[in-house]
C-alpha atoms as a PDB file:
ATOM      1  CA  MET A   1     -65.384-128.908 -59.280  1.00  0.00           C
ATOM      2  CA  ALA A   2     -67.618-128.889 -62.065  1.00  0.00           C
ATOM      3  CA  PHE A   3     -67.438-126.516 -64.938  1.00  0.00           C
ATOM      4  CA  SER A   4     -70.202-125.747 -67.586  1.00  0.00           C
ATOM      5  CA  SER A   5     -70.020-126.877 -70.918  1.00  0.00           C
ATOM      6  CA  ALA A   6     -69.372-123.515 -72.444  1.00  0.00           C
ATOM      7  CA  ARG A   7     -66.151-122.502 -70.499  1.00  0.00           C
ATOM      8  CA  PRO A   8     -63.582-125.443 -69.955  1.00  0.00           C
ATOM      9  CA  ILE A   9     -61.097-124.315 -72.071  1.00  0.00           C
ATOM     10  CA  ILE A  10     -61.351-120.732 -70.275  1.00  0.00           C
ATOM     11  CA  ALA A  11     -60.889-122.177 -66.959  1.00  0.00           C
ATOM     12  CA  ALA A  12     -58.314-124.323 -67.952  1.00  0.00           C
ATOM     13  CA  LEU A  13     -56.559-121.740 -69.631  1.00  0.00           C
ATOM     14  CA  VAL A  14     -56.956-119.368 -66.354  1.00  0.00           C
ATOM     15  CA  LEU A  15     -55.562-122.457 -63.645  1.00  0.00           C
ATOM     16  CA  LEU A  16     -52.589-123.335 -66.052  1.00  0.00           C
ATOM     17  CA  PRO A  17     -50.216-120.639 -64.894  1.00  0.00           C
ATOM     18  CA  ILE A  18     -51.261-121.391 -61.055  1.00  0.00           C
ATOM     19  CA  VAL A  19     -50.685-125.070 -61.401  1.00  0.00           C
ATOM     20  CA  THR A  20     -47.704-124.906 -63.016  1.00  0.00           C
ATOM     21  CA  ALA A  21     -46.178-122.342 -60.568  1.00  0.00           C
ATOM     22  CA  CYS A  22     -47.468-124.568 -58.024  1.00  0.00           C
ATOM     23  CA  ALA A  23     -45.571-127.452 -59.314  1.00  0.00           C
ATOM     24  CA  GLY A  24     -42.333-125.448 -59.772  1.00  0.00           C
ATOM     25  CA  THR A  25     -42.366-124.700 -56.027  1.00  0.00           C
ATOM     26  CA  ALA A  26     -42.846-128.257 -55.268  1.00  0.00           C
ATOM     27  CA  ARG A  27     -39.551-128.966 -57.247  1.00  0.00           C
ATOM     28  CA  SER A  28     -37.519-126.546 -55.513  1.00  0.00           C
ATOM     29  CA  PRO A  29     -34.491-128.178 -53.501  1.00  0.00           C
ATOM     30  CA  GLU A  30     -34.086-127.775 -49.966  1.00  0.00           C
ATOM     31  CA  PRO A  31     -31.579-125.279 -49.520  1.00  0.00           C
ATOM     32  CA  ALA A  32     -28.581-127.113 -47.775  1.00  0.00           C
ATOM     33  CA  SER A  33     -27.995-126.856 -43.842  1.00  0.00           C
ATOM     34  CA  PRO A  34     -25.706-129.178 -41.903  1.00  0.00           C
ATOM     35  CA  ARG A  35     -29.049-130.896 -40.557  1.00  0.00           C
ATOM     36  CA  THR A  36     -29.628-131.871 -44.168  1.00  0.00           C
ATOM     37  CA  ALA A  37     -26.135-132.687 -45.024  1.00  0.00           C
ATOM     38  CA  ALA A  38     -25.933-135.238 -42.266  1.00  0.00           C
ATOM     39  CA  ARG A  39     -28.022-137.407 -43.846  1.00  0.00           C
ATOM     40  CA  TYR A  40     -26.290-137.663 -46.922  1.00  0.00           C
ATOM     41  CA  PRO A  41     -24.359-141.172 -46.987  1.00  0.00           C
ATOM     42  CA  HIS A  42     -21.063-141.493 -45.396  1.00  0.00           C
ATOM     43  CA  THR A  43     -18.617-144.188 -44.926  1.00  0.00           C
ATOM     44  CA  ASP A  44     -15.986-145.270 -42.307  1.00  0.00           C
ATOM     45  CA  ALA A  45     -13.562-144.639 -45.040  1.00  0.00           C
ATOM     46  CA  ASP A  46     -14.999-141.249 -45.444  1.00  0.00           C
ATOM     47  CA  VAL A  47     -14.394-140.435 -41.921  1.00  0.00           C
ATOM     48  CA  ARG A  48     -10.816-141.686 -41.574  1.00  0.00           C
ATOM     49  CA  PHE A  49      -9.923-139.682 -44.527  1.00  0.00           C
ATOM     50  CA  MET A  50     -11.093-136.409 -43.452  1.00  0.00           C
ATOM     51  CA  SER A  51      -9.796-137.080 -39.937  1.00  0.00           C
ATOM     52  CA  ALA A  52      -6.465-138.026 -41.386  1.00  0.00           C
ATOM     53  CA  MET A  53      -6.454-135.146 -43.595  1.00  0.00           C
ATOM     54  CA  ILE A  54      -6.874-132.789 -40.870  1.00  0.00           C
ATOM     55  CA  GLY A  55      -3.552-134.065 -39.183  1.00  0.00           C
ATOM     56  CA  HIS A  56      -1.351-134.146 -42.779  1.00  0.00           C
ATOM     57  CA  HIS A  57      -2.574-130.364 -43.590  1.00  0.00           C
ATOM     58  CA  ALA A  58      -1.635-129.106 -39.801  1.00  0.00           C
ATOM     59  CA  GLN A  59       1.857-130.608 -40.409  1.00  0.00           C
ATOM     60  CA  ALA A  60       1.979-128.727 -44.024  1.00  0.00           C
ATOM     61  CA  LEU A  61       0.407-125.469 -42.028  1.00  0.00           C
ATOM     62  CA  ILE A  62       3.737-125.952 -39.643  1.00  0.00           C
ATOM     63  CA  MET A  63       6.331-126.402 -42.719  1.00  0.00           C
ATOM     64  CA  ALA A  64       4.632-123.315 -44.379  1.00  0.00           C
ATOM     65  CA  GLY A  65       4.804-120.749 -41.268  1.00  0.00           C
ATOM     66  CA  TRP A  66       8.635-121.222 -41.016  1.00  0.00           C
ATOM     67  CA  ALA A  67       9.178-119.692 -44.733  1.00  0.00           C
ATOM     68  CA  ALA A  68       8.261-116.313 -43.262  1.00  0.00           C
ATOM     69  CA  THR A  69      11.354-116.699 -40.337  1.00  0.00           C
ATOM     70  CA  ASN A  70      13.540-119.043 -42.209  1.00  0.00           C
ATOM     71  CA  GLY A  71      14.994-116.265 -44.935  1.00  0.00           C
ATOM     72  CA  ALA A  72      12.698-117.990 -47.793  1.00  0.00           C
ATOM     73  CA  SER A  73      12.867-116.304 -50.776  1.00  0.00           C
ATOM     74  CA  PRO A  74      10.001-114.364 -52.395  1.00  0.00           C
ATOM     75  CA  ALA A  75       8.790-116.671 -54.455  1.00  0.00           C
ATOM     76  CA  VAL A  76       8.575-119.656 -52.004  1.00  0.00           C
ATOM     77  CA  ARG A  77       7.193-116.963 -49.340  1.00  0.00           C
ATOM     78  CA  ARG A  78       4.210-116.316 -51.447  1.00  0.00           C
ATOM     79  CA  LEU A  79       4.174-120.492 -52.241  1.00  0.00           C
ATOM     80  CA  ALA A  80       3.706-120.886 -48.388  1.00  0.00           C
ATOM     81  CA  GLU A  81       1.372-118.195 -48.172  1.00  0.00           C
ATOM     82  CA  ARG A  82      -1.075-119.995 -50.885  1.00  0.00           C
ATOM     83  CA  ILE A  83      -0.892-123.082 -49.194  1.00  0.00           C
ATOM     84  CA  THR A  84      -1.215-121.494 -45.778  1.00  0.00           C
ATOM     85  CA  ASN A  85      -4.395-119.845 -46.868  1.00  0.00           C
ATOM     86  CA  GLY A  86      -5.905-122.850 -48.634  1.00  0.00           C
ATOM     87  CA  GLN A  87      -4.940-125.126 -46.155  1.00  0.00           C
ATOM     88  CA  GLN A  88      -6.549-123.613 -43.369  1.00  0.00           C
ATOM     89  CA  ASP A  89      -9.998-123.196 -44.910  1.00  0.00           C
ATOM     90  CA  GLU A  90      -9.914-126.944 -45.942  1.00  0.00           C
ATOM     91  CA  ILE A  91      -9.136-127.835 -42.429  1.00  0.00           C
ATOM     92  CA  ALA A  92     -12.476-125.759 -41.285  1.00  0.00           C
ATOM     93  CA  THR A  93     -14.360-127.763 -43.857  1.00  0.00           C
ATOM     94  CA  MET A  94     -12.814-131.158 -42.765  1.00  0.00           C
ATOM     95  CA  GLN A  95     -13.829-130.031 -38.992  1.00  0.00           C
ATOM     96  CA  ARG A  96     -17.333-128.593 -40.009  1.00  0.00           C
ATOM     97  CA  TRP A  97     -18.088-131.875 -41.959  1.00  0.00           C
ATOM     98  CA  LEU A  98     -17.210-134.214 -38.832  1.00  0.00           C
ATOM     99  CA  ARG A  99     -19.041-131.710 -35.934  1.00  0.00           C
ATOM    100  CA  ASP A 100     -22.159-132.253 -38.408  1.00  0.00           C
ATOM    101  CA  ARG A 101     -22.174-135.662 -37.702  1.00  0.00           C
ATOM    102  CA  GLY A 102     -21.095-135.808 -34.499  1.00  0.00           C
ATOM    103  CA  LEU A 103     -17.735-136.917 -34.826  1.00  0.00           C
ATOM    104  CA  PRO A 104     -15.227-135.189 -33.201  1.00  0.00           C
ATOM    105  CA  PRO A 105     -12.139-133.120 -35.408  1.00  0.00           C
ATOM    106  CA  GLN A 106      -8.865-135.139 -34.905  1.00  0.00           C
ATOM    107  CA  GLU A 107      -6.660-132.430 -35.141  1.00  0.00           C
ATOM    108  CA  GLY A 108      -3.538-134.127 -33.874  1.00  0.00           C
ATOM    109  CA  GLN A 109      -3.712-137.497 -36.094  1.00  0.00           C
ATOM    110  CA  HIS A 110      -0.599-137.746 -37.938  1.00  0.00           C
ATOM    111  CA  GLN A 111      -0.360-141.594 -38.083  1.00  0.00           C
ATOM    112  CA  ARG A 112      -2.645-144.667 -39.416  1.00  0.00           C
ATOM    113  CA  HIS A 113      -2.119-147.955 -38.310  1.00  0.00           C
ATOM    114  CA  GLY A 114       1.145-147.098 -36.167  1.00  0.00           C
ATOM    115  CA  HIS A 115       2.901-145.862 -39.156  1.00  0.00           C
ATOM    116  CA  LEU A 116       3.392-141.726 -40.631  1.00  0.00           C
ATOM    117  CA  MET A 117       0.414-140.926 -42.863  1.00  0.00           C
ATOM    118  CA  PRO A 118       1.751-141.103 -46.618  1.00  0.00           C
ATOM    119  CA  GLY A 119       4.054-137.941 -47.496  1.00  0.00           C
ATOM    120  CA  MET A 120       4.358-136.530 -43.607  1.00  0.00           C
ATOM    121  CA  LEU A 121       7.478-135.629 -42.845  1.00  0.00           C
ATOM    122  CA  THR A 122       9.751-137.634 -39.626  1.00  0.00           C
ATOM    123  CA  ALA A 123      10.368-135.548 -37.008  1.00  0.00           C
ATOM    124  CA  ALA A 124      14.249-135.449 -38.055  1.00  0.00           C
ATOM    125  CA  GLN A 125      13.028-134.183 -41.540  1.00  0.00           C
ATOM    126  CA  MET A 126      11.041-131.262 -39.521  1.00  0.00           C
ATOM    127  CA  LYS A 127      14.058-130.061 -37.252  1.00  0.00           C
ATOM    128  CA  GLN A 128      15.897-130.214 -40.516  1.00  0.00           C
ATOM    129  CA  LEU A 129      13.438-127.870 -42.131  1.00  0.00           C
ATOM    130  CA  ALA A 130      13.217-126.010 -38.893  1.00  0.00           C
ATOM    131  CA  ASP A 131      16.847-125.346 -38.924  1.00  0.00           C
ATOM    132  CA  ALA A 132      17.248-123.990 -42.540  1.00  0.00           C
ATOM    133  CA  THR A 133      17.719-120.599 -43.731  1.00  0.00           C
ATOM    134  CA  GLY A 134      18.007-118.884 -46.880  1.00  0.00           C
ATOM    135  CA  TRP A 135      18.576-121.164 -49.995  1.00  0.00           C
ATOM    136  CA  GLU A 136      19.153-124.286 -48.232  1.00  0.00           C
ATOM    137  CA  PHE A 137      15.247-123.625 -46.880  1.00  0.00           C
ATOM    138  CA  ASP A 138      14.151-123.174 -50.331  1.00  0.00           C
ATOM    139  CA  ARG A 139      15.361-126.264 -51.456  1.00  0.00           C
ATOM    140  CA  LEU A 140      14.334-128.512 -48.480  1.00  0.00           C
ATOM    141  CA  PHE A 141      10.670-126.755 -48.056  1.00  0.00           C
ATOM    142  CA  LEU A 142      10.359-127.513 -52.099  1.00  0.00           C
ATOM    143  CA  THR A 143      11.506-130.978 -51.697  1.00  0.00           C
ATOM    144  CA  SER A 144       9.515-131.612 -48.589  1.00  0.00           C
ATOM    145  CA  MET A 145       6.556-130.247 -49.253  1.00  0.00           C
ATOM    146  CA  ILE A 146       6.694-132.105 -52.804  1.00  0.00           C
ATOM    147  CA  GLN A 147       6.843-135.158 -50.847  1.00  0.00           C
ATOM    148  CA  HIS A 148       4.217-134.282 -48.693  1.00  0.00           C
ATOM    149  CA  HIS A 149       1.894-133.475 -51.132  1.00  0.00           C
ATOM    150  CA  ARG A 150       2.217-136.612 -53.200  1.00  0.00           C
ATOM    151  CA  GLY A 151       1.311-138.117 -49.967  1.00  0.00           C
ATOM    152  CA  ALA A 152      -1.823-136.098 -49.631  1.00  0.00           C
ATOM    153  CA  VAL A 153      -2.382-136.998 -53.434  1.00  0.00           C
ATOM    154  CA  ALA A 154      -2.136-140.736 -52.840  1.00  0.00           C
ATOM    155  CA  MET A 155      -4.658-140.576 -49.773  1.00  0.00           C
ATOM    156  CA  VAL A 156      -6.909-139.327 -52.115  1.00  0.00           C
ATOM    157  CA  LYS A 157      -6.368-142.137 -54.660  1.00  0.00           C
ATOM    158  CA  GLU A 158      -6.781-144.502 -51.641  1.00  0.00           C
ATOM    159  CA  LEU A 159      -9.936-143.061 -50.810  1.00  0.00           C
ATOM    160  CA  PHE A 160     -11.566-143.330 -54.122  1.00  0.00           C
ATOM    161  CA  GLY A 161      -9.916-146.702 -54.568  1.00  0.00           C
ATOM    162  CA  THR A 162     -12.291-147.928 -51.417  1.00  0.00           C
ATOM    163  CA  GLN A 163     -15.770-149.701 -52.518  1.00  0.00           C
ATOM    164  CA  GLY A 164     -18.302-147.201 -51.099  1.00  0.00           C
ATOM    165  CA  ALA A 165     -16.488-144.071 -50.578  1.00  0.00           C
ATOM    166  CA  ALA A 166     -16.422-140.651 -51.332  1.00  0.00           C
ATOM    167  CA  GLN A 167     -20.247-141.025 -51.614  1.00  0.00           C
ATOM    168  CA  ASP A 168     -21.056-138.023 -49.853  1.00  0.00           C
ATOM    169  CA  GLU A 169     -21.324-135.072 -51.656  1.00  0.00           C
ATOM    170  CA  THR A 170     -18.826-132.784 -49.597  1.00  0.00           C
ATOM    171  CA  VAL A 171     -16.248-135.579 -49.332  1.00  0.00           C
ATOM    172  CA  PHE A 172     -16.003-136.228 -52.631  1.00  0.00           C
ATOM    173  CA  LYS A 173     -16.041-132.345 -54.079  1.00  0.00           C
ATOM    174  CA  PHE A 174     -13.209-131.725 -50.939  1.00  0.00           C
ATOM    175  CA  ALA A 175     -10.854-135.202 -52.000  1.00  0.00           C
ATOM    176  CA  ASP A 176     -11.151-134.407 -55.440  1.00  0.00           C
ATOM    177  CA  ASP A 177     -10.320-131.036 -55.255  1.00  0.00           C
ATOM    178  CA  VAL A 178      -7.238-131.776 -52.822  1.00  0.00           C
ATOM    179  CA  GLY A 179      -6.290-134.336 -55.636  1.00  0.00           C
ATOM    180  CA  VAL A 180      -6.295-131.728 -58.353  1.00  0.00           C
ATOM    181  CA  ASP A 181      -4.864-128.738 -56.732  1.00  0.00           C
ATOM    182  CA  GLN A 182      -2.167-130.561 -54.948  1.00  0.00           C
ATOM    183  CA  SER A 183      -0.887-132.287 -57.892  1.00  0.00           C
ATOM    184  CA  THR A 184      -0.790-129.133 -59.543  1.00  0.00           C
ATOM    185  CA  GLU A 185       1.432-127.663 -56.678  1.00  0.00           C
ATOM    186  CA  ILE A 186       3.556-130.599 -57.114  1.00  0.00           C
ATOM    187  CA  ALA A 187       4.325-129.462 -60.843  1.00  0.00           C
ATOM    188  CA  ARG A 188       4.866-125.727 -60.033  1.00  0.00           C
ATOM    189  CA  MET A 189       6.988-126.692 -57.111  1.00  0.00           C
ATOM    190  CA  GLU A 190       9.168-129.122 -59.416  1.00  0.00           C
ATOM    191  CA  ARG A 191       9.847-126.327 -61.810  1.00  0.00           C
ATOM    192  CA  MET A 192      10.588-123.774 -58.764  1.00  0.00           C
ATOM    193  CA  LEU A 193      13.091-126.537 -57.731  1.00  0.00           C
ATOM    194  CA  SER A 194      14.792-127.099 -60.974  1.00  0.00           C
ATOM    195  CA  GLU A 195      15.081-123.080 -61.021  1.00  0.00           C
ATOM    196  CA  LEU A 196      17.261-123.126 -58.130  1.00  0.00           C
ATOM    197  CA  PRO A 197      21.271-123.062 -58.599  1.00  0.00           C
ATOM    198  CA  ALA A 198      23.011-126.156 -58.154  1.00  0.00           C
ATOM    199  CA  GLY A 199      25.139-125.114 -54.822  1.00  0.00           C
ATOM    200  CA  GLU A 200      24.300-122.271 -52.768  1.00  0.00           C
ATOM    201  CA  PRO A 201      24.832-118.816 -54.155  1.00  0.00           C
ATOM    202  CA  SER A 202      27.800-116.928 -53.034  1.00  0.00           C
ATOM    203  CA  SER A 203      27.148-113.723 -51.363  1.00  0.00           C
END
């Protein structure tokens, strides 16, 4: 549109706030949604990690569930409750990520390439923990969960060491959180284990 020579500066000043507002609106990010999330790149390694970690977390939930029934100490029961709450939420995140990409959640997957995933307890170890009570349960639970958490940390390191993996925003953040949170819990459980008596306390 042409403007008279007498008013170009005034017109520009009037239009400037409108143009700026429109430009700001155009730059606003699109709200996150499953449809837009599905457009982020992911690799086969990401899918394997998310699927495998569901099974890995599922075993930890079983282990943590025994604390309430096997006479665990209050400190171990509180730890088990934190593990349960955190890992239930994380399983939901992984299942949702897989569903958004048209992939079936693989809740029962406990093995990779015919072998147990890192840190997973064997059937014999699970039975030993399930049968333990009181002080012995505390000791076995802490020892077993340290093993289990170290396995999860190893899986995170493997993912980050795979070329092209963990570029998806959700996968990266989730894996990073797992590595940090479980490393912190390992240190906490090692302290708790060191504070247990050398032998079963006498009644």
